[in-house]
PDB file of N, CA and C in Angstrom:
ATOM      1  N   MET A   1      74.705  45.110  85.307  1.00  0.00           N
ATOM      2  CA  MET A   1      73.536  45.415  85.931  1.00  0.00           C
ATOM      3  C   MET A   1      72.703  46.275  84.989  1.00  0.00           C
ATOM      4  N   SER A   2      73.284  46.886  83.902  1.00  0.00           N
ATOM      5  CA  SER A   2      72.460  47.521  82.770  1.00  0.00           C
ATOM      6  C   SER A   2      71.794  46.325  82.091  1.00  0.00           C
ATOM      7  N   GLU A   3      72.558  45.113  81.892  1.00  0.00           N
ATOM      8  CA  GLU A   3      71.878  44.104  80.937  1.00  0.00           C
ATOM      9  C   GLU A   3      70.839  43.174  81.607  1.00  0.00           C
ATOM     10  N   THR A   4      70.534  43.435  82.840  1.00  0.00           N
ATOM     11  CA  THR A   4      69.323  42.751  83.433  1.00  0.00           C
ATOM     12  C   THR A   4      68.149  43.900  83.059  1.00  0.00           C
ATOM     13  N   SER A   5      68.649  45.222  83.250  1.00  0.00           N
ATOM     14  CA  SER A   5      67.355  46.327  83.267  1.00  0.00           C
ATOM     15  C   SER A   5      66.756  46.217  81.498  1.00  0.00           C
ATOM     16  N   THR A   6      67.836  45.744  80.805  1.00  0.00           N
ATOM     17  CA  THR A   6      67.380  45.903  79.248  1.00  0.00           C
ATOM     18  C   THR A   6      66.493  44.816  79.218  1.00  0.00           C
ATOM     19  N   GLN A   7      66.765  43.521  79.863  1.00  0.00           N
ATOM     20  CA  GLN A   7      66.015  42.329  79.403  1.00  0.00           C
ATOM     21  C   GLN A   7      64.362  42.531  79.935  1.00  0.00           C
ATOM     22  N   VAL A   8      64.423  43.347  81.164  1.00  0.00           N
ATOM     23  CA  VAL A   8      63.075  43.505  81.814  1.00  0.00           C
ATOM     24  C   VAL A   8      62.262  44.250  80.782  1.00  0.00           C
ATOM     25  N   GLY A   9      62.837  45.501  80.323  1.00  0.00           N
ATOM     26  CA  GLY A   9      62.171  46.543  78.936  1.00  0.00           C
ATOM     27  C   GLY A   9      62.117  45.554  77.828  1.00  0.00           C
ATOM     28  N   VAL A  10      62.370  44.598  77.734  1.00  0.00           N
ATOM     29  CA  VAL A  10      62.397  43.972  76.341  1.00  0.00           C
ATOM     30  C   VAL A  10      60.872  43.026  76.512  1.00  0.00           C
ATOM     31  N   GLY A  11      60.814  42.573  77.624  1.00  0.00           N
ATOM     32  CA  GLY A  11      59.451  41.799  77.921  1.00  0.00           C
ATOM     33  C   GLY A  11      58.123  42.905  77.935  1.00  0.00           C
ATOM     34  N   VAL A  12      58.449  44.024  78.507  1.00  0.00           N
ATOM     35  CA  VAL A  12      57.297  44.842  78.280  1.00  0.00           C
ATOM     36  C   VAL A  12      56.933  45.614  77.074  1.00  0.00           C
ATOM     37  N   ALA A  13      58.272  46.022  76.409  1.00  0.00           N
ATOM     38  CA  ALA A  13      57.797  46.297  75.028  1.00  0.00           C
ATOM     39  C   ALA A  13      57.136  45.225  74.137  1.00  0.00           C
ATOM     40  N   ASP A  14      57.576  44.068  74.460  1.00  0.00           N
ATOM     41  CA  ASP A  14      57.151  42.721  73.333  1.00  0.00           C
ATOM     42  C   ASP A  14      55.304  42.752  73.670  1.00  0.00           C
ATOM     43  N   GLY A  15      54.906  43.408  74.662  1.00  0.00           N
ATOM     44  CA  GLY A  15      53.394  43.218  74.881  1.00  0.00           C
ATOM     45  C   GLY A  15      53.210  41.793  75.887  1.00  0.00           C
ATOM     46  N   THR A  16      54.347  41.624  76.651  1.00  0.00           N
ATOM     47  CA  THR A  16      54.060  40.755  77.670  1.00  0.00           C
ATOM     48  C   THR A  16      54.216  40.925  78.817  1.00  0.00           C
ATOM     49  N   SER A  17      53.695  40.522  79.719  1.00  0.00           N
ATOM     50  CA  SER A  17      53.894  41.045  81.195  1.00  0.00           C
ATOM     51  C   SER A  17      54.066  39.674  82.312  1.00  0.00           C
ATOM     52  N   ALA A  18      54.064  39.794  83.512  1.00  0.00           N
ATOM     53  CA  ALA A  18      53.912  38.979  84.324  1.00  0.00           C
ATOM     54  C   ALA A  18      52.781  38.015  84.087  1.00  0.00           C
ATOM     55  N   ASP A  19      51.531  38.727  83.880  1.00  0.00           N
ATOM     56  CA  ASP A  19      50.114  38.106  83.829  1.00  0.00           C
ATOM     57  C   ASP A  19      50.068  37.180  82.502  1.00  0.00           C
ATOM     58  N   GLY A  20      51.108  37.406  81.884  1.00  0.00           N
ATOM     59  CA  GLY A  20      51.053  36.466  80.524  1.00  0.00           C
ATOM     60  C   GLY A  20      50.931  37.618  79.334  1.00  0.00           C
ATOM     61  N   PRO A  21      49.998  37.134  77.994  1.00  0.00           N
ATOM     62  CA  PRO A  21      50.061  38.049  76.703  1.00  0.00           C
ATOM     63  C   PRO A  21      49.123  39.438  77.312  1.00  0.00           C
ATOM     64  N   SER A  22      49.613  40.520  76.471  1.00  0.00           N
ATOM     65  CA  SER A  22      48.643  41.580  76.865  1.00  0.00           C
ATOM     66  C   SER A  22      47.335  41.566  76.721  1.00  0.00           C
ATOM     67  N   ALA A  23      46.476  41.845  77.638  1.00  0.00           N
ATOM     68  CA  ALA A  23      45.095  41.891  77.965  1.00  0.00           C
ATOM     69  C   ALA A  23      44.406  42.922  77.381  1.00  0.00           C
ATOM     70  N   GLY A  24      43.818  42.614  76.260  1.00  0.00           N
ATOM     71  CA  GLY A  24      43.247  43.932  75.517  1.00  0.00           C
ATOM     72  C   GLY A  24      41.519  43.538  75.795  1.00  0.00           C
ATOM     73  N   GLY A  25      40.831  44.660  75.306  1.00  0.00           N
ATOM     74  CA  GLY A  25      39.625  44.639  75.816  1.00  0.00           C
ATOM     75  C   GLY A  25      38.825  43.471  74.676  1.00  0.00           C
ATOM     76  N   THR A  26      39.389  42.898  74.040  1.00  0.00           N
ATOM     77  CA  THR A  26      38.510  41.836  73.180  1.00  0.00           C
ATOM     78  C   THR A  26      38.498  40.853  73.834  1.00  0.00           C
ATOM     79  N   GLY A  27      39.148  40.387  74.869  1.00  0.00           N
ATOM     80  CA  GLY A  27      39.257  39.092  75.518  1.00  0.00           C
ATOM     81  C   GLY A  27      37.714  38.899  76.313  1.00  0.00           C
ATOM     82  N   ASP A  28      37.910  40.380  76.849  1.00  0.00           N
ATOM     83  CA  ASP A  28      36.900  40.554  78.112  1.00  0.00           C
ATOM     84  C   ASP A  28      35.622  40.379  77.677  1.00  0.00           C
ATOM     85  N   SER A  29      35.432  41.379  76.625  1.00  0.00           N
ATOM     86  CA  SER A  29      33.964  41.057  76.012  1.00  0.00           C
ATOM     87  C   SER A  29      33.358  40.029  75.586  1.00  0.00           C
ATOM     88  N   GLU A  30      34.077  39.184  74.831  1.00  0.00           N
ATOM     89  CA  GLU A  30      33.782  38.044  74.525  1.00  0.00           C
ATOM     90  C   GLU A  30      33.401  36.817  75.489  1.00  0.00           C
ATOM     91  N   SER A  31      34.228  37.210  76.687  1.00  0.00           N
ATOM     92  CA  SER A  31      33.724  35.880  77.932  1.00  0.00           C
ATOM     93  C   SER A  31      32.404  36.599  78.351  1.00  0.00           C
ATOM     94  N   ALA A  32      32.355  38.133  78.304  1.00  0.00           N
ATOM     95  CA  ALA A  32      31.079  38.544  78.987  1.00  0.00           C
ATOM     96  C   ALA A  32      29.873  37.882  78.053  1.00  0.00           C
ATOM     97  N   ARG A  33      30.179  38.134  76.744  1.00  0.00           N
ATOM     98  CA  ARG A  33      29.287  37.695  75.630  1.00  0.00           C
ATOM     99  C   ARG A  33      28.545  36.432  76.135  1.00  0.00           C
ATOM    100  N   GLY A  34      29.396  35.562  76.499  1.00  0.00           N
ATOM    101  CA  GLY A  34      29.053  34.163  76.392  1.00  0.00           C
ATOM    102  C   GLY A  34      28.521  33.585  77.865  1.00  0.00           C
ATOM    103  N   ASN A  35      28.334  34.448  78.906  1.00  0.00           N
ATOM    104  CA  ASN A  35      27.454  34.552  80.005  1.00  0.00           C
ATOM    105  C   ASN A  35      26.178  34.843  79.759  1.00  0.00           C
ATOM    106  N   ARG A  36      25.466  34.729  78.366  1.00  0.00           N
ATOM    107  CA  ARG A  36      24.269  35.227  78.593  1.00  0.00           C
ATOM    108  C   ARG A  36      23.197  34.361  78.816  1.00  0.00           C
ATOM    109  N   LYS A  37      21.969  34.783  79.713  1.00  0.00           N
ATOM    110  CA  LYS A  37      21.072  33.806  80.337  1.00  0.00           C
ATOM    111  C   LYS A  37      20.333  33.272  79.055  1.00  0.00           C
ATOM    112  N   VAL A  38      19.935  31.987  79.104  1.00  0.00           N
ATOM    113  CA  VAL A  38      19.161  31.121  78.170  1.00  0.00           C
ATOM    114  C   VAL A  38      17.966  30.630  78.797  1.00  0.00           C
ATOM    115  N   ARG A  39      16.706  30.915  78.553  1.00  0.00           N
ATOM    116  CA  ARG A  39      15.848  30.325  79.258  1.00  0.00           C
ATOM    117  C   ARG A  39      14.891  29.140  78.151  1.00  0.00           C
ATOM    118  N   GLU A  40      13.885  28.365  78.312  1.00  0.00           N
ATOM    119  CA  GLU A  40      12.691  27.821  77.411  1.00  0.00           C
ATOM    120  C   GLU A  40      11.580  28.133  77.923  1.00  0.00           C
ATOM    121  N   GLY A  41      10.589  28.616  76.748  1.00  0.00           N
ATOM    122  CA  GLY A  41       9.270  28.860  77.440  1.00  0.00           C
ATOM    123  C   GLY A  41       8.081  28.556  76.335  1.00  0.00           C
ATOM    124  N   LEU A  42       7.287  28.921  76.818  1.00  0.00           N
ATOM    125  CA  LEU A  42       5.971  28.587  75.918  1.00  0.00           C
ATOM    126  C   LEU A  42       5.553  30.084  75.374  1.00  0.00           C
ATOM    127  N   VAL A  43       5.045  30.140  74.272  1.00  0.00           N
ATOM    128  CA  VAL A  43       4.654  31.221  73.585  1.00  0.00           C
ATOM    129  C   VAL A  43       3.190  31.199  73.616  1.00  0.00           C
ATOM    130  N   VAL A  44       2.868  32.337  74.789  1.00  0.00           N
ATOM    131  CA  VAL A  44       1.564  32.658  74.992  1.00  0.00           C
ATOM    132  C   VAL A  44       0.665  33.487  74.314  1.00  0.00           C
ATOM    133  N   SER A  45       1.547  34.438  73.653  1.00  0.00           N
ATOM    134  CA  SER A  45       0.775  35.541  73.113  1.00  0.00           C
ATOM    135  C   SER A  45       1.941  35.681  71.646  1.00  0.00           C
ATOM    136  N   ASP A  46       1.027  36.060  70.392  1.00  0.00           N
ATOM    137  CA  ASP A  46       2.108  36.431  69.265  1.00  0.00           C
ATOM    138  C   ASP A  46       1.422  37.668  68.428  1.00  0.00           C
ATOM    139  N   LYS A  47       0.461  38.323  69.269  1.00  0.00           N
ATOM    140  CA  LYS A  47      -0.408  39.231  68.419  1.00  0.00           C
ATOM    141  C   LYS A  47       0.702  40.589  67.904  1.00  0.00           C
ATOM    142  N   MET A  48       1.670  40.890  68.605  1.00  0.00           N
ATOM    143  CA  MET A  48       2.558  41.961  68.367  1.00  0.00           C
ATOM    144  C   MET A  48       3.204  41.381  67.135  1.00  0.00           C
ATOM    145  N   HIS A  49       3.937  42.940  66.466  1.00  0.00           N
ATOM    146  CA  HIS A  49       4.470  42.632  65.118  1.00  0.00           C
ATOM    147  C   HIS A  49       5.973  42.175  65.788  1.00  0.00           C
ATOM    148  N   LYS A  50       6.631  41.183  65.473  1.00  0.00           N
ATOM    149  CA  LYS A  50       7.860  40.683  65.945  1.00  0.00           C
ATOM    150  C   LYS A  50       8.395  40.783  67.274  1.00  0.00           C
ATOM    151  N   THR A  51       7.340  40.446  68.173  1.00  0.00           N
ATOM    152  CA  THR A  51       7.400  40.705  69.386  1.00  0.00           C
ATOM    153  C   THR A  51       6.435  39.172  70.015  1.00  0.00           C
ATOM    154  N   VAL A  52       7.073  38.296  70.847  1.00  0.00           N
ATOM    155  CA  VAL A  52       6.253  37.198  71.294  1.00  0.00           C
ATOM    156  C   VAL A  52       6.130  37.367  73.025  1.00  0.00           C
ATOM    157  N   ILE A  53       5.158  36.808  73.387  1.00  0.00           N
ATOM    158  CA  ILE A  53       5.224  36.862  74.975  1.00  0.00           C
ATOM    159  C   ILE A  53       5.391  35.566  75.417  1.00  0.00           C
ATOM    160  N   VAL A  54       6.515  35.079  76.191  1.00  0.00           N
ATOM    161  CA  VAL A  54       6.760  33.732  76.568  1.00  0.00           C
ATOM    162  C   VAL A  54       6.757  33.286  77.788  1.00  0.00           C
ATOM    163  N   ALA A  55       5.916  32.592  78.430  1.00  0.00           N
ATOM    164  CA  ALA A  55       5.803  32.012  79.808  1.00  0.00           C
ATOM    165  C   ALA A  55       6.784  31.320  80.075  1.00  0.00           C
ATOM    166  N   VAL A  56       7.779  31.470  81.188  1.00  0.00           N
ATOM    167  CA  VAL A  56       9.046  30.839  81.560  1.00  0.00           C
ATOM    168  C   VAL A  56       8.957  30.499  82.759  1.00  0.00           C
ATOM    169  N   GLU A  57       8.542  28.931  83.052  1.00  0.00           N
ATOM    170  CA  GLU A  57       8.301  28.660  84.310  1.00  0.00           C
ATOM    171  C   GLU A  57       9.879  28.232  84.947  1.00  0.00           C
ATOM    172  N   ASP A  58       9.318  28.590  86.499  1.00  0.00           N
ATOM    173  CA  ASP A  58      10.804  28.066  87.213  1.00  0.00           C
ATOM    174  C   ASP A  58      10.239  27.439  88.597  1.00  0.00           C
ATOM    175  N   ARG A  59      10.677  26.210  88.725  1.00  0.00           N
ATOM    176  CA  ARG A  59      10.419  25.589  90.062  1.00  0.00           C
ATOM    177  C   ARG A  59      11.332  25.915  91.288  1.00  0.00           C
ATOM    178  N   VAL A  60      10.930  26.239  92.275  1.00  0.00           N
ATOM    179  CA  VAL A  60      11.633  26.581  93.463  1.00  0.00           C
ATOM    180  C   VAL A  60      10.955  25.971  94.426  1.00  0.00           C
ATOM    181  N   GLN A  61      11.773  25.618  95.547  1.00  0.00           N
ATOM    182  CA  GLN A  61      11.431  24.908  96.571  1.00  0.00           C
ATOM    183  C   GLN A  61      11.151  25.906  97.595  1.00  0.00           C
ATOM    184  N   HIS A  62      10.145  26.040  98.575  1.00  0.00           N
ATOM    185  CA  HIS A  62       9.904  26.942  99.726  1.00  0.00           C
ATOM    186  C   HIS A  62      11.306  26.674 100.618  1.00  0.00           C
ATOM    187  N   PRO A  63      11.499  27.651 101.285  1.00  0.00           N
ATOM    188  CA  PRO A  63      12.622  27.490 102.338  1.00  0.00           C
ATOM    189  C   PRO A  63      12.312  26.969 103.685  1.00  0.00           C
ATOM    190  N   ARG A  64      10.940  27.123 103.741  1.00  0.00           N
ATOM    191  CA  ARG A  64      10.515  26.513 105.104  1.00  0.00           C
ATOM    192  C   ARG A  64       9.849  25.097 104.998  1.00  0.00           C
ATOM    193  N   TYR A  65       8.983  25.075 104.283  1.00  0.00           N
ATOM    194  CA  TYR A  65       7.900  23.946 104.315  1.00  0.00           C
ATOM    195  C   TYR A  65       8.489  23.049 103.033  1.00  0.00           C
ATOM    196  N   ALA A  66       9.370  23.191 102.152  1.00  0.00           N
ATOM    197  CA  ALA A  66      10.126  22.343 101.484  1.00  0.00           C
ATOM    198  C   ALA A  66       9.362  21.705 100.451  1.00  0.00           C
ATOM    199  N   LYS A  67       7.954  22.578  99.966  1.00  0.00           N
ATOM    200  CA  LYS A  67       7.137  22.515  98.894  1.00  0.00           C
ATOM    201  C   LYS A  67       7.567  22.812  97.618  1.00  0.00           C
ATOM    202  N   THR A  68       7.311  22.423  96.458  1.00  0.00           N
ATOM    203  CA  THR A  68       7.916  22.610  95.203  1.00  0.00           C
ATOM    204  C   THR A  68       6.741  23.855  94.648  1.00  0.00           C
ATOM    205  N   ILE A  69       7.418  24.853  94.443  1.00  0.00           N
ATOM    206  CA  ILE A  69       6.343  26.037  93.874  1.00  0.00           C
ATOM    207  C   ILE A  69       6.531  26.502  92.564  1.00  0.00           C
ATOM    208  N   ARG A  70       5.772  26.529  91.536  1.00  0.00           N
ATOM    209  CA  ARG A  70       5.938  26.744  90.183  1.00  0.00           C
ATOM    210  C   ARG A  70       5.911  28.152  90.145  1.00  0.00           C
ATOM    211  N   ARG A  71       6.610  28.954  89.502  1.00  0.00           N
ATOM    212  CA  ARG A  71       6.597  30.341  89.733  1.00  0.00           C
ATOM    213  C   ARG A  71       6.817  30.753  87.903  1.00  0.00           C
ATOM    214  N   THR A  72       5.934  31.227  87.323  1.00  0.00           N
ATOM    215  CA  THR A  72       5.860  31.937  85.783  1.00  0.00           C
ATOM    216  C   THR A  72       6.300  33.295  85.637  1.00  0.00           C
ATOM    217  N   SER A  73       7.122  33.551  84.992  1.00  0.00           N
ATOM    218  CA  SER A  73       7.329  34.852  84.385  1.00  0.00           C
ATOM    219  C   SER A  73       7.162  34.746  82.905  1.00  0.00           C
ATOM    220  N   ARG A  74       6.672  35.881  82.470  1.00  0.00           N
ATOM    221  CA  ARG A  74       5.902  36.400  81.593  1.00  0.00           C
ATOM    222  C   ARG A  74       7.133  37.234  80.589  1.00  0.00           C
ATOM    223  N   LEU A  75       7.785  36.782  79.751  1.00  0.00           N
ATOM    224  CA  LEU A  75       8.912  37.599  79.118  1.00  0.00           C
ATOM    225  C   LEU A  75       8.437  38.100  77.829  1.00  0.00           C
ATOM    226  N   LYS A  76       8.891  39.498  77.290  1.00  0.00           N
ATOM    227  CA  LYS A  76       8.690  39.600  76.009  1.00  0.00           C
ATOM    228  C   LYS A  76       9.836  39.211  75.120  1.00  0.00           C
ATOM    229  N   ALA A  77       9.913  38.952  74.111  1.00  0.00           N
ATOM    230  CA  ALA A  77      10.933  38.403  73.370  1.00  0.00           C
ATOM    231  C   ALA A  77      11.013  38.866  71.830  1.00  0.00           C
ATOM    232  N   HIS A  78      11.915  39.107  71.238  1.00  0.00           N
ATOM    233  CA  HIS A  78      12.023  39.510  69.704  1.00  0.00           C
ATOM    234  C   HIS A  78      12.393  38.540  68.790  1.00  0.00           C
ATOM    235  N   ASP A  79      11.125  38.570  67.744  1.00  0.00           N
ATOM    236  CA  ASP A  79      11.251  37.161  67.166  1.00  0.00           C
ATOM    237  C   ASP A  79      11.386  37.731  65.669  1.00  0.00           C
ATOM    238  N   GLU A  80      12.562  38.126  65.186  1.00  0.00           N
ATOM    239  CA  GLU A  80      13.068  38.521  63.905  1.00  0.00           C
ATOM    240  C   GLU A  80      12.098  38.410  62.857  1.00  0.00           C
ATOM    241  N   GLU A  81      11.719  36.972  62.512  1.00  0.00           N
ATOM    242  CA  GLU A  81      11.038  36.431  61.213  1.00  0.00           C
ATOM    243  C   GLU A  81       9.775  36.331  61.243  1.00  0.00           C
ATOM    244  N   ASN A  82       9.003  36.521  62.476  1.00  0.00           N
ATOM    245  CA  ASN A  82       7.621  36.612  62.751  1.00  0.00           C
ATOM    246  C   ASN A  82       7.370  35.181  62.737  1.00  0.00           C
ATOM    247  N   THR A  83       8.144  34.123  63.153  1.00  0.00           N
ATOM    248  CA  THR A  83       7.335  32.701  62.743  1.00  0.00           C
ATOM    249  C   THR A  83       6.876  31.990  63.963  1.00  0.00           C
ATOM    250  N   ALA A  84       7.455  32.479  65.117  1.00  0.00           N
ATOM    251  CA  ALA A  84       6.711  31.833  66.262  1.00  0.00           C
ATOM    252  C   ALA A  84       5.086  32.046  66.706  1.00  0.00           C
ATOM    253  N   ALA A  85       4.631  31.009  66.810  1.00  0.00           N
ATOM    254  CA  ALA A  85       2.806  31.002  67.033  1.00  0.00           C
ATOM    255  C   ALA A  85       2.573  30.753  68.283  1.00  0.00           C
ATOM    256  N   THR A  86       1.506  31.105  68.720  1.00  0.00           N
ATOM    257  CA  THR A  86       1.238  30.635  70.139  1.00  0.00           C
ATOM    258  C   THR A  86       0.975  29.042  70.362  1.00  0.00           C
ATOM    259  N   GLY A  87       1.406  28.447  71.437  1.00  0.00           N
ATOM    260  CA  GLY A  87       1.857  27.331  71.873  1.00  0.00           C
ATOM    261  C   GLY A  87       2.996  26.662  71.358  1.00  0.00           C
ATOM    262  N   ASP A  88       3.927  27.409  70.634  1.00  0.00           N
ATOM    263  CA  ASP A  88       5.379  26.651  70.442  1.00  0.00           C
ATOM    264  C   ASP A  88       6.308  26.989  71.461  1.00  0.00           C
ATOM    265  N   ARG A  89       7.162  25.882  71.500  1.00  0.00           N
ATOM    266  CA  ARG A  89       8.379  26.042  72.830  1.00  0.00           C
ATOM    267  C   ARG A  89       9.507  26.473  72.207  1.00  0.00           C
ATOM    268  N   VAL A  90      10.087  27.789  72.769  1.00  0.00           N
ATOM    269  CA  VAL A  90      10.821  28.348  71.859  1.00  0.00           C
ATOM    270  C   VAL A  90      12.313  28.669  73.087  1.00  0.00           C
ATOM    271  N   LEU A  91      13.482  28.621  72.313  1.00  0.00           N
ATOM    272  CA  LEU A  91      14.509  28.882  73.100  1.00  0.00           C
ATOM    273  C   LEU A  91      14.756  30.656  73.179  1.00  0.00           C
ATOM    274  N   LEU A  92      14.670  31.030  74.216  1.00  0.00           N
ATOM    275  CA  LEU A  92      15.369  32.274  74.330  1.00  0.00           C
ATOM    276  C   LEU A  92      16.663  32.663  74.847  1.00  0.00           C
ATOM    277  N   MET A  93      17.126  34.008  74.331  1.00  0.00           N
ATOM    278  CA  MET A  93      18.127  34.371  75.002  1.00  0.00           C
ATOM    279  C   MET A  93      18.503  35.549  75.630  1.00  0.00           C
ATOM    280  N   GLU A  94      19.162  36.102  76.219  1.00  0.00           N
ATOM    281  CA  GLU A  94      18.916  37.536  76.938  1.00  0.00           C
ATOM    282  C   GLU A  94      19.846  38.236  76.107  1.00  0.00           C
ATOM    283  N   THR A  95      19.535  39.517  75.972  1.00  0.00           N
ATOM    284  CA  THR A  95      20.149  40.544  74.975  1.00  0.00           C
ATOM    285  C   THR A  95      20.015  41.895  75.433  1.00  0.00           C
ATOM    286  N   ARG A  96      20.677  42.936  74.914  1.00  0.00           N
ATOM    287  CA  ARG A  96      20.440  44.497  75.193  1.00  0.00           C
ATOM    288  C   ARG A  96      18.853  44.849  75.122  1.00  0.00           C
ATOM    289  N   PRO A  97      18.842  45.856  75.901  1.00  0.00           N
ATOM    290  CA  PRO A  97      17.506  46.096  75.696  1.00  0.00           C
ATOM    291  C   PRO A  97      17.036  46.588  74.556  1.00  0.00           C
ATOM    292  N   LEU A  98      16.090  46.271  73.680  1.00  0.00           N
ATOM    293  CA  LEU A  98      15.437  46.344  72.428  1.00  0.00           C
ATOM    294  C   LEU A  98      14.200  47.079  72.658  1.00  0.00           C
ATOM    295  N   SER A  99      13.574  47.491  74.004  1.00  0.00           N
ATOM    296  CA  SER A  99      12.364  48.304  73.784  1.00  0.00           C
ATOM    297  C   SER A  99      12.391  48.522  75.358  1.00  0.00           C
ATOM    298  N   ALA A 100      11.096  49.117  76.009  1.00  0.00           N
ATOM    299  CA  ALA A 100      11.078  49.450  77.292  1.00  0.00           C
ATOM    300  C   ALA A 100      10.811  48.061  78.181  1.00  0.00           C
ATOM    301  N   THR A 101      10.420  47.334  77.779  1.00  0.00           N
ATOM    302  CA  THR A 101      10.359  46.000  78.239  1.00  0.00           C
ATOM    303  C   THR A 101      10.471  44.736  77.757  1.00  0.00           C
ATOM    304  N   LYS A 102      11.380  44.878  76.458  1.00  0.00           N
ATOM    305  CA  LYS A 102      11.854  43.685  75.764  1.00  0.00           C
ATOM    306  C   LYS A 102      13.365  43.559  76.067  1.00  0.00           C
ATOM    307  N   ARG A 103      13.616  42.535  76.640  1.00  0.00           N
ATOM    308  CA  ARG A 103      15.267  42.191  76.704  1.00  0.00           C
ATOM    309  C   ARG A 103      15.653  40.791  76.310  1.00  0.00           C
ATOM    310  N   TRP A 104      14.944  40.047  75.846  1.00  0.00           N
ATOM    311  CA  TRP A 104      15.086  38.792  75.289  1.00  0.00           C
ATOM    312  C   TRP A 104      14.877  38.677  73.702  1.00  0.00           C
ATOM    313  N   ARG A 105      15.559  37.667  73.028  1.00  0.00           N
ATOM    314  CA  ARG A 105      15.532  37.313  71.378  1.00  0.00           C
ATOM    315  C   ARG A 105      15.324  35.654  71.629  1.00  0.00           C
ATOM    316  N   VAL A 106      14.267  35.241  70.409  1.00  0.00           N
ATOM    317  CA  VAL A 106      13.946  33.926  69.983  1.00  0.00           C
ATOM    318  C   VAL A 106      15.189  33.380  69.313  1.00  0.00           C
ATOM    319  N   VAL A 107      15.892  32.530  69.932  1.00  0.00           N
ATOM    320  CA  VAL A 107      16.825  31.755  69.296  1.00  0.00           C
ATOM    321  C   VAL A 107      16.694  30.756  68.319  1.00  0.00           C
ATOM    322  N   HIS A 108      15.833  29.891  68.530  1.00  0.00           N
ATOM    323  CA  HIS A 108      15.084  29.067  67.862  1.00  0.00           C
ATOM    324  C   HIS A 108      13.969  28.537  68.331  1.00  0.00           C
ATOM    325  N   ILE A 109      12.963  27.953  67.637  1.00  0.00           N
ATOM    326  CA  ILE A 109      11.979  27.297  67.839  1.00  0.00           C
ATOM    327  C   ILE A 109      11.910  25.877  68.253  1.00  0.00           C
ATOM    328  N   ILE A 110      11.740  25.392  69.574  1.00  0.00           N
ATOM    329  CA  ILE A 110      12.228  23.729  69.768  1.00  0.00           C
ATOM    330  C   ILE A 110      11.142  22.920  69.115  1.00  0.00           C
ATOM    331  N   GLU A 111       9.652  23.105  69.310  1.00  0.00           N
ATOM    332  CA  GLU A 111       8.642  22.413  69.321  1.00  0.00           C
ATOM    333  C   GLU A 111       7.703  23.264  68.699  1.00  0.00           C
ATOM    334  N   ARG A 112       6.747  22.891  67.724  1.00  0.00           N
ATOM    335  CA  ARG A 112       5.793  23.639  67.247  1.00  0.00           C
ATOM    336  C   ARG A 112       4.566  22.914  67.648  1.00  0.00           C
ATOM    337  N   ALA A 113       3.884  24.184  67.748  1.00  0.00           N
ATOM    338  CA  ALA A 113       2.150  23.657  68.725  1.00  0.00           C
ATOM    339  C   ALA A 113       1.451  22.745  67.449  1.00  0.00           C
ATOM    340  N   LYS A 114       0.735  21.817  68.492  1.00  0.00           N
ATOM    341  CA  LYS A 114       0.036  20.795  67.950  1.00  0.00           C
ATOM    342  C   LYS A 114      -1.410  21.068  67.503  1.00  0.00           C
TER     343      LYS A 114
END
């Protein structure tokens, strides 16, 4: 019987358990970081330093009348290089709060204004 209890102890000391390898904090944080929201929108203002306002359009269907409605939200996004201009189509990614109203950052410019 003592041999069986030592084998169980070896598995625990080895870092493995019934759930598999030791689940440290690093794996959970990376998977949570991978679930960031990504939106595409049109820059409507670039008058602030390193900040642009992007209009993101969302099309939803009315629950009763089934008409498609366009809902536009204006998001403030961080533009580190100050390269986005009014009329550009940009890709945004959710990030930690950078200011009181800024929670998004510009990943890259999809299409320049014509």
